[in-house]
Amino acid sequence: MSNIFDALNKRQPERPASRSTEPLVPLEPPSGGAPLPASGDTARDQDMERLRQRVLLELGTTAGASIVFAGSVEGEGATTLSLLFARELAQSEQRPVLLVDADIEGYPRTLTGTMRNDGGDLGPGFADLLLNRAKLTDCLLGTELPNLHFLPRGSDLGPALDLVQTQRVRAVLDEIQRHYAFVVLDGAPLVDSPESSFLAAATDGVVLVVRANRTRREVVQRGLRLLHQSNCQVLGAVLNERKYPIPSFLYRRL
C-alpha cells in the first residue's frame, strides 16, 4: 500500500485544537486485547509514519487532537487507515490513544467487525454514549498495545442522523479527551451517510481517503463539498493503494 498526503487548497480557516491543560485521567479497559494488523510491512509502516508527521503538522499541535478518517463512498479504505494510523500514534507518541468506530450507519465491514473478526457486536459503544445511556468506562476495550484502546460503534442503533448532533458529539469528545491525548475516528462514507460530515465538524480535523484508480473525481469533489458545507477542518487527502507516481498537483486541484 502506498499513500500520498496532500494539503487541499480549499481549506476552512484554522481552528486551534481543543486541548485541555489539565492532566489526562488514565482509564483501564477490561483485560484482554483485540488483535491489531501485523507489523513488519516496511513500506506501509514508513507511509504511516509520514502520514502521522504530516497530520500533526497540519493540526499545528502535538498536544493531542481528535481526527476523523472518511471516504466519499464505501470501499475507499478509511477503516483500515484509521486503524493503522491509531496504531502508529500509539507506538510513536507513547500517550493514550482511543480508536473509535464512528460508522453508526453500520456498513457491512465496519471497524467493530474488523476488531472482532467475526463481524459481531462488541456491546455498548459510541452510539450509546451519544444517547447518554452508557458510561465511557463501560464501553472501552483493550488492544494488544497498552496505550491504545478501542470504542466500538455500539448496539441497538437508532437513525444515525438523529444520533449525530454536533453539540452532543462535542460533549462526548470532551469527555473522551479528558482521558486520551489522541482520538482517531473511523467515519461513515460522506456521500452515503449525511451524519458523517456533521460528526466530523465536531472534531479537530478530517482526513479524506481516496482509493486510487477507482473513485471518480466528481464523487471525491462531492465528499469534499459536504465537509466544507459542514465547516469541517479538512487536513488533507490520502491517496490509498497508489501503484504509479502521479504529479501531486493533480490532487491539489480537487
Protein backbone atom coordinates (compact mmCIF):
# COMPACT_ATOMS: atom_id res chain seq x y z
CA MET A 1 0.00 0.00 0.00
CA SER A 2 1.27 3.44 -0.89
CA ASN A 3 -0.24 6.74 0.17
CA ILE A 4 0.09 10.45 -0.61
CA PHE A 5 -0.95 13.08 1.90
CA ASP A 6 -1.56 16.46 0.28
CA ALA A 7 -2.93 19.62 1.81
CA LEU A 8 -6.01 20.67 -0.11
CA ASN A 9 -6.38 24.22 -1.39
CA LYS A 10 -9.94 24.81 -0.24
CA ARG A 11 -9.42 24.57 3.48
CA GLN A 12 -11.53 26.19 6.15
CA PRO A 13 -9.88 28.78 8.46
CA GLU A 14 -7.74 27.03 11.01
CA ARG A 15 -9.22 26.35 14.41
CA PRO A 16 -7.00 25.63 17.40
CA ALA A 17 -7.19 22.08 18.66
CA SER A 18 -9.43 21.98 21.71
CA ARG A 19 -6.94 20.70 24.26
CA SER A 20 -7.43 20.91 27.99
CA THR A 21 -4.41 21.90 30.03
CA GLU A 22 -5.43 19.51 32.80
CA PRO A 23 -3.53 16.21 33.13
CA LEU A 24 -5.10 13.19 31.47
CA VAL A 25 -7.02 10.81 33.70
CA PRO A 26 -5.99 7.25 32.75
CA LEU A 27 -8.69 4.65 32.15
CA GLU A 28 -8.27 0.90 32.21
CA PRO A 29 -10.39 -1.19 29.81
CA PRO A 30 -11.31 -4.79 30.62
CA SER A 31 -8.45 -7.27 30.46
CA GLY A 32 -7.63 -8.85 27.12
CA GLY A 33 -6.78 -7.15 23.89
CA ALA A 34 -8.25 -7.05 20.41
CA PRO A 35 -5.71 -8.08 17.75
CA LEU A 36 -4.10 -5.43 15.56
CA PRO A 37 -2.72 -5.75 12.00
CA ALA A 38 0.66 -7.41 11.98
CA SER A 39 3.69 -5.12 11.86
CA GLY A 40 6.68 -5.72 9.63
CA ASP A 41 5.47 -4.27 6.33
CA THR A 42 8.30 -1.75 5.99
CA ALA A 43 6.78 0.29 3.16
CA ARG A 44 3.41 0.52 4.90
CA ASP A 45 4.99 1.41 8.23
CA GLN A 46 7.01 4.18 6.58
CA ASP A 47 3.86 5.51 4.89
CA MET A 48 2.06 5.64 8.22
CA GLU A 49 4.96 7.41 9.90
CA ARG A 50 4.96 10.07 7.19
CA LEU A 51 1.20 10.38 7.49
CA ARG A 52 1.46 10.81 11.27
CA GLN A 53 4.05 13.56 10.89
CA ARG A 54 2.03 15.37 8.24
CA VAL A 55 -1.26 15.21 10.16
CA LEU A 56 0.36 16.62 13.29
CA LEU A 57 1.97 19.34 11.19
CA GLU A 58 -1.39 20.28 9.66
CA LEU A 59 -3.02 20.30 13.08
CA GLY A 60 -0.32 22.61 14.38
CA THR A 61 -0.12 20.80 17.70
CA THR A 62 1.46 17.75 19.27
CA ALA A 63 -0.63 18.10 22.42
CA GLY A 64 -3.32 15.80 21.05
CA ALA A 65 -6.38 16.02 18.84
CA SER A 66 -9.50 14.28 17.52
CA ILE A 67 -9.13 13.16 13.89
CA VAL A 68 -11.65 11.57 11.52
CA PHE A 69 -10.78 9.35 8.55
CA ALA A 70 -13.58 9.16 5.99
CA GLY A 71 -14.04 8.31 2.32
CA SER A 72 -16.60 9.78 -0.03
CA VAL A 73 -18.13 6.34 -0.62
CA GLU A 74 -17.78 2.86 0.79
CA GLY A 75 -14.60 0.92 -0.02
CA GLU A 76 -12.07 3.77 0.00
CA GLY A 77 -10.05 2.20 2.81
CA ALA A 78 -10.81 4.65 5.62
CA THR A 79 -11.39 1.86 8.15
CA THR A 80 -8.01 0.24 7.51
CA LEU A 81 -6.20 3.59 7.52
CA SER A 82 -7.80 4.74 10.76
CA LEU A 83 -6.73 1.51 12.43
CA LEU A 84 -3.16 1.71 11.12
CA PHE A 85 -2.93 5.42 11.97
CA ALA A 86 -4.12 4.86 15.55
CA ARG A 87 -1.54 2.12 15.99
CA GLU A 88 1.20 4.40 14.60
CA LEU A 89 0.19 7.18 17.01
CA ALA A 90 0.18 4.82 19.98
CA GLN A 91 3.59 3.41 19.12
CA SER A 92 5.25 6.73 18.27
CA GLU A 93 3.68 9.17 20.74
CA GLN A 94 3.60 6.84 23.75
CA ARG A 95 0.45 8.53 25.02
CA PRO A 96 -3.12 7.28 25.40
CA VAL A 97 -4.91 6.84 22.06
CA LEU A 98 -8.54 5.88 21.53
CA LEU A 99 -9.73 4.36 18.25
CA VAL A 100 -13.46 4.93 17.69
CA ASP A 101 -15.86 3.20 15.31
CA ALA A 102 -17.99 6.21 14.35
CA ASP A 103 -19.64 4.45 11.39
CA ILE A 104 -23.01 4.43 13.12
CA GLU A 105 -24.81 3.58 9.88
CA GLY A 106 -23.16 0.19 10.13
CA TYR A 107 -21.83 -0.63 6.67
CA PRO A 108 -21.07 -4.32 6.09
CA ARG A 109 -17.41 -4.26 7.10
CA THR A 110 -17.18 -1.80 9.96
CA LEU A 111 -14.23 -1.25 12.25
CA THR A 112 -16.12 -3.04 15.02
CA GLY A 113 -16.46 -6.12 12.81
CA THR A 114 -12.78 -5.93 11.90
CA MET A 115 -11.68 -5.79 15.53
CA ARG A 116 -13.96 -8.68 16.47
CA ASN A 117 -13.05 -10.73 13.39
CA ASP A 118 -16.46 -12.42 13.20
CA GLY A 119 -18.36 -9.22 12.44
CA GLY A 120 -20.49 -9.32 15.60
CA ASP A 121 -21.23 -6.58 18.08
CA LEU A 122 -18.90 -5.73 20.94
CA GLY A 123 -21.52 -4.42 23.35
CA PRO A 124 -22.15 -0.76 24.19
CA GLY A 125 -20.10 1.87 22.41
CA PHE A 126 -20.04 5.25 20.70
CA ALA A 127 -23.75 5.36 19.85
CA ASP A 128 -24.64 4.55 23.45
CA LEU A 129 -22.50 7.47 24.63
CA LEU A 130 -24.28 9.79 22.19
CA LEU A 131 -27.62 8.61 23.60
CA ASN A 132 -26.30 9.10 27.16
CA ARG A 133 -27.23 5.55 28.11
CA ALA A 134 -23.77 4.22 28.94
CA LYS A 135 -20.60 5.36 30.67
CA LEU A 136 -17.31 5.58 28.80
CA THR A 137 -15.70 3.08 31.17
CA ASP A 138 -18.40 0.54 30.32
CA CYS A 139 -17.71 0.77 26.58
CA LEU A 140 -13.92 0.57 26.32
CA LEU A 141 -11.98 -2.40 25.02
CA GLY A 142 -8.25 -3.02 25.17
CA THR A 143 -5.91 -3.92 22.31
CA GLU A 144 -2.52 -5.55 22.07
CA LEU A 145 -0.96 -2.15 22.81
CA PRO A 146 -1.43 -0.97 26.41
CA ASN A 147 -1.92 2.68 25.40
CA LEU A 148 -4.32 2.00 22.51
CA HIS A 149 -7.95 1.38 23.43
CA PHE A 150 -10.99 0.79 21.25
CA LEU A 151 -14.54 2.17 21.40
CA PRO A 152 -16.95 0.07 19.27
CA ARG A 153 -19.88 1.64 17.47
CA GLY A 154 -22.46 0.41 19.95
CA SER A 155 -25.62 -1.65 19.97
CA ASP A 156 -29.32 -1.10 19.25
CA LEU A 157 -28.61 1.81 16.95
CA GLY A 158 -31.29 4.31 16.01
CA PRO A 159 -31.36 6.57 12.94
CA ALA A 160 -27.77 7.73 12.52
CA LEU A 161 -28.65 11.32 11.62
CA ASP A 162 -30.66 11.67 14.83
CA LEU A 163 -27.71 10.46 16.90
CA VAL A 164 -25.08 12.79 15.48
CA GLN A 165 -25.99 16.21 16.82
CA THR A 166 -22.87 18.38 16.81
CA GLN A 167 -23.19 19.66 20.38
CA ARG A 168 -23.74 16.16 21.77
CA VAL A 169 -20.80 14.79 19.79
CA ARG A 170 -18.60 17.56 21.14
CA ALA A 171 -19.71 16.82 24.69
CA VAL A 172 -18.83 13.14 24.23
CA LEU A 173 -15.47 14.01 22.67
CA ASP A 174 -14.72 16.44 25.50
CA GLU A 175 -15.28 13.62 27.99
CA ILE A 176 -13.12 11.22 25.96
CA GLN A 177 -10.32 13.77 25.68
CA ARG A 178 -10.09 14.05 29.45
CA HIS A 179 -8.58 10.59 29.26
CA TYR A 180 -6.94 10.29 25.81
CA ALA A 181 -4.41 12.53 24.08
CA PHE A 182 -5.48 11.40 20.61
CA VAL A 183 -8.88 10.22 19.37
CA VAL A 184 -8.98 8.59 15.92
CA LEU A 185 -12.46 8.11 14.47
CA ASP A 186 -13.42 5.89 11.55
CA GLY A 187 -16.26 7.82 9.90
CA ALA A 188 -19.04 6.59 7.64
CA PRO A 189 -18.86 7.30 3.86
CA LEU A 190 -19.58 11.01 3.37
CA VAL A 191 -21.84 10.85 0.32
CA ASP A 192 -23.89 7.89 1.53
CA SER A 193 -24.18 9.00 5.18
CA PRO A 194 -25.13 12.65 5.79
CA GLU A 195 -24.33 12.33 9.50
CA SER A 196 -20.65 11.71 8.78
CA SER A 197 -19.84 15.33 7.91
CA PHE A 198 -21.83 16.57 10.93
CA LEU A 199 -19.77 14.33 13.18
CA ALA A 200 -16.55 15.46 11.52
CA ALA A 201 -17.44 19.10 12.23
CA ALA A 202 -17.14 18.38 15.95
CA THR A 203 -13.53 17.18 15.65
CA ASP A 204 -10.20 18.92 15.20
CA GLY A 205 -9.72 17.70 11.64
CA VAL A 206 -10.69 15.34 8.83
CA VAL A 207 -8.52 13.24 6.53
CA LEU A 208 -10.30 12.43 3.26
CA VAL A 209 -9.45 8.94 1.96
CA VAL A 210 -9.49 8.32 -1.81
CA ARG A 211 -8.83 4.94 -3.44
CA ALA A 212 -6.53 5.29 -6.43
CA ASN A 213 -7.79 4.26 -9.89
CA ARG A 214 -11.28 3.62 -8.53
CA THR A 215 -13.08 6.70 -7.25
CA ARG A 216 -14.30 9.24 -9.78
CA ARG A 217 -13.19 12.83 -9.37
CA GLU A 218 -16.81 14.05 -9.17
CA VAL A 219 -17.50 11.73 -6.23
CA VAL A 220 -14.45 12.98 -4.35
CA GLN A 221 -15.44 16.58 -5.01
CA ARG A 222 -18.92 15.88 -3.66
CA GLY A 223 -17.50 14.42 -0.45
CA LEU A 224 -15.18 17.38 -0.07
CA ARG A 225 -18.05 19.79 -0.66
CA LEU A 226 -20.07 18.14 2.12
CA LEU A 227 -17.16 18.62 4.51
CA HIS A 228 -16.83 22.30 3.66
CA GLN A 229 -20.58 22.86 3.94
CA SER A 230 -20.42 21.46 7.48
CA ASN A 231 -17.49 23.78 8.28
CA CYS A 232 -15.11 20.88 8.83
CA GLN A 233 -11.38 21.41 9.18
CA VAL A 234 -10.09 19.40 6.20
CA LEU A 235 -6.48 18.47 6.93
CA GLY A 236 -5.77 16.83 3.60
CA ALA A 237 -6.30 13.72 1.49
CA VAL A 238 -4.74 10.28 1.42
CA LEU A 239 -4.47 8.58 -1.96
CA ASN A 240 -4.84 4.94 -0.98
CA GLU A 241 -3.29 1.99 -2.85
CA ARG A 242 -1.42 4.15 -5.33
CA LYS A 243 0.65 1.99 -7.71
CA TYR A 244 2.20 4.57 -10.00
CA PRO A 245 3.63 8.02 -9.26
CA ILE A 246 1.30 10.82 -10.33
CA PRO A 247 2.12 14.53 -10.03
CA SER A 248 0.75 15.85 -6.74
CA PHE A 249 -0.68 18.99 -8.34
CA LEU A 250 -3.48 16.84 -9.78
CA TYR A 251 -4.73 16.19 -6.25
CA ARG A 252 -4.35 19.78 -5.17
CA ARG A 253 -6.91 20.64 -7.85
CA LEU A 254 -9.62 18.66 -6.05
